C-alpha cells in the first residue's frame, strides 16, 4: 500500500465512526482529537478496525503513534508494505 492508500483507509475508518465531520480539512501534523470530535472509544475503534481489516497487531503501547494522521501513516506504512 502507498502512503496515500493508508491515509485514505484511516480517513475512511474515521468517517465510518464519525460521519458528521468534514475530513477534507484535516491537517496531517495536528492531533486528530484537536481537529475533530473523537473520544477515547472512537480512538480505540479506529485501532481495532485497522487491526481487523489488515490482520496486524498494534500493541497498546504503540497507540500514541495514532495521534496525528501523518504519525498514523508513518506507523502503518512498514506494517502494510506487502498488503
C-alpha atoms as a PDB file:
ATOM      1  CA  UNK A   1       0.000   0.000   0.000  1.00  0.00           C
ATOM      2  CA  UNK A   2       1.123   3.514  -0.719  1.00  0.00           C
ATOM      3  CA  UNK A   3       1.133   6.310   1.843  1.00  0.00           C
ATOM      4  CA  UNK A   4      -1.914   7.810   0.153  1.00  0.00           C
ATOM      5  CA  UNK A   5      -3.737   4.462   0.293  1.00  0.00           C
ATOM      6  CA  UNK A   6      -3.040   4.195   4.003  1.00  0.00           C
ATOM      7  CA  UNK A   7      -4.143   7.767   4.608  1.00  0.00           C
ATOM      8  CA  UNK A   8      -7.377   7.109   2.705  1.00  0.00           C
ATOM      9  CA  UNK A   9      -8.092   3.984   4.761  1.00  0.00           C
ATOM     10  CA  UNK A  10      -7.527   5.792   8.065  1.00  0.00           C
ATOM     11  CA  UNK A  11      -9.809   8.635   6.971  1.00  0.00           C
ATOM     12  CA  UNK A  12     -12.414   6.151   5.762  1.00  0.00           C
ATOM     13  CA  UNK A  13     -12.429   4.448   9.153  1.00  0.00           C
ATOM     14  CA  UNK A  14     -12.724   7.806  10.924  1.00  0.00           C
ATOM     15  CA  UNK A  15     -15.612   8.753   8.644  1.00  0.00           C
ATOM     16  CA  UNK A  16     -17.377   5.461   9.433  1.00  0.00           C
ATOM     17  CA  UNK A  17     -17.068   6.262  13.135  1.00  0.00           C
ATOM     18  CA  UNK A  18     -17.983   9.939  12.895  1.00  0.00           C
ATOM     19  CA  UNK A  19     -19.716  10.779   9.630  1.00  0.00           C
ATOM     20  CA  UNK A  20     -20.609  14.293  10.794  1.00  0.00           C
ATOM     21  CA  UNK A  21     -17.060  15.616  10.458  1.00  0.00           C
ATOM     22  CA  UNK A  22     -15.539  17.347   7.429  1.00  0.00           C
ATOM     23  CA  UNK A  23     -12.356  15.344   6.988  1.00  0.00           C
ATOM     24  CA  UNK A  24     -11.195  17.295   3.945  1.00  0.00           C
ATOM     25  CA  UNK A  25      -9.606  19.919   6.196  1.00  0.00           C
ATOM     26  CA  UNK A  26      -7.585  17.537   8.350  1.00  0.00           C
ATOM     27  CA  UNK A  27      -4.039  18.771   8.933  1.00  0.00           C
ATOM     28  CA  UNK A  28      -1.838  15.674   8.935  1.00  0.00           C
ATOM     29  CA  UNK A  29       0.537  17.128  11.508  1.00  0.00           C
ATOM     30  CA  UNK A  30      -2.024  18.243  14.100  1.00  0.00           C
ATOM     31  CA  UNK A  31      -3.547  15.970  16.718  1.00  0.00           C
ATOM     32  CA  UNK A  32      -6.714  14.389  15.370  1.00  0.00           C
ATOM     33  CA  UNK A  33      -8.530  14.988  18.669  1.00  0.00           C
ATOM     34  CA  UNK A  34      -7.851  18.725  18.324  1.00  0.00           C
ATOM     35  CA  UNK A  35      -9.420  18.810  14.852  1.00  0.00           C
ATOM     36  CA  UNK A  36     -12.407  16.505  15.067  1.00  0.00           C
ATOM     37  CA  UNK A  37     -14.624  15.034  17.750  1.00  0.00           C
ATOM     38  CA  UNK A  38     -13.027  11.758  18.788  1.00  0.00           C
ATOM     39  CA  UNK A  39     -13.415  10.332  22.247  1.00  0.00           C
ATOM     40  CA  UNK A  40     -11.392   7.506  23.748  1.00  0.00           C
ATOM     41  CA  UNK A  41     -13.803   4.858  22.496  1.00  0.00           C
ATOM     42  CA  UNK A  42     -13.716   6.284  18.951  1.00  0.00           C
ATOM     43  CA  UNK A  43      -9.940   6.201  19.027  1.00  0.00           C
ATOM     44  CA  UNK A  44      -9.974   2.591  20.202  1.00  0.00           C
ATOM     45  CA  UNK A  45     -12.477   1.740  17.451  1.00  0.00           C
ATOM     46  CA  UNK A  46     -10.077   3.144  14.840  1.00  0.00           C
ATOM     47  CA  UNK A  47      -7.211   0.987  16.102  1.00  0.00           C
ATOM     48  CA  UNK A  48      -9.410  -2.104  16.375  1.00  0.00           C
ATOM     49  CA  UNK A  49     -10.720  -1.634  12.824  1.00  0.00           C
ATOM     50  CA  UNK A  50      -7.166  -1.302  11.480  1.00  0.00           C
ATOM     51  CA  UNK A  51      -6.178  -4.483  13.302  1.00  0.00           C
ATOM     52  CA  UNK A  52      -9.194  -6.350  11.974  1.00  0.00           C
ATOM     53  CA  UNK A  53      -9.049  -5.050   8.429  1.00  0.00           C
ATOM     54  CA  UNK A  54      -5.352  -5.722   7.891  1.00  0.00           C
ATOM     55  CA  UNK A  55      -4.754  -8.594  10.307  1.00  0.00           C
ATOM     56  CA  UNK A  56      -1.960  -6.714  12.057  1.00  0.00           C
ATOM     57  CA  UNK A  57      -1.008  -6.414  15.691  1.00  0.00           C
ATOM     58  CA  UNK A  58      -0.932  -2.965  17.247  1.00  0.00           C
ATOM     59  CA  UNK A  59       0.248  -3.171  20.851  1.00  0.00           C
ATOM     60  CA  UNK A  60      -1.356  -0.787  23.319  1.00  0.00           C
ATOM     61  CA  UNK A  61       1.978   0.917  23.951  1.00  0.00           C
ATOM     62  CA  UNK A  62       2.003   1.962  20.263  1.00  0.00           C
ATOM     63  CA  UNK A  63      -1.387   3.732  20.353  1.00  0.00           C
ATOM     64  CA  UNK A  64       0.393   7.088  20.712  1.00  0.00           C
ATOM     65  CA  UNK A  65       1.542   6.646  17.117  1.00  0.00           C
ATOM     66  CA  UNK A  66      -2.011   7.425  16.027  1.00  0.00           C
ATOM     67  CA  UNK A  67      -2.158  10.935  17.484  1.00  0.00           C
ATOM     68  CA  UNK A  68      -1.950  12.574  14.055  1.00  0.00           C
ATOM     69  CA  UNK A  69      -2.799  11.390  10.574  1.00  0.00           C
ATOM     70  CA  UNK A  70       0.836  11.561   9.453  1.00  0.00           C
ATOM     71  CA  UNK A  71       2.088   9.662  12.515  1.00  0.00           C
ATOM     72  CA  UNK A  72      -0.552   7.012  11.791  1.00  0.00           C
ATOM     73  CA  UNK A  73       0.633   6.639   8.206  1.00  0.00           C
ATOM     74  CA  UNK A  74       4.284   6.520   9.301  1.00  0.00           C
ATOM     75  CA  UNK A  75       3.496   3.771  11.790  1.00  0.00           C
ATOM     76  CA  UNK A  76       1.331   1.712   9.434  1.00  0.00           C
ATOM     77  CA  UNK A  77       3.461   2.020   6.280  1.00  0.00           C
ATOM     78  CA  UNK A  78       6.013  -0.705   7.124  1.00  0.00           C
ATOM     79  CA  UNK A  79       3.274  -2.969   8.516  1.00  0.00           C
ATOM     80  CA  UNK A  80       1.210  -2.692   5.343  1.00  0.00           C
ATOM     81  CA  UNK A  81       4.031  -2.703   2.782  1.00  0.00           C
ATOM     82  CA  UNK A  82       3.000  -6.121   1.450  1.00  0.00           C
ATOM     83  CA  UNK A  83      -0.753  -5.544   1.517  1.00  0.00           C
END
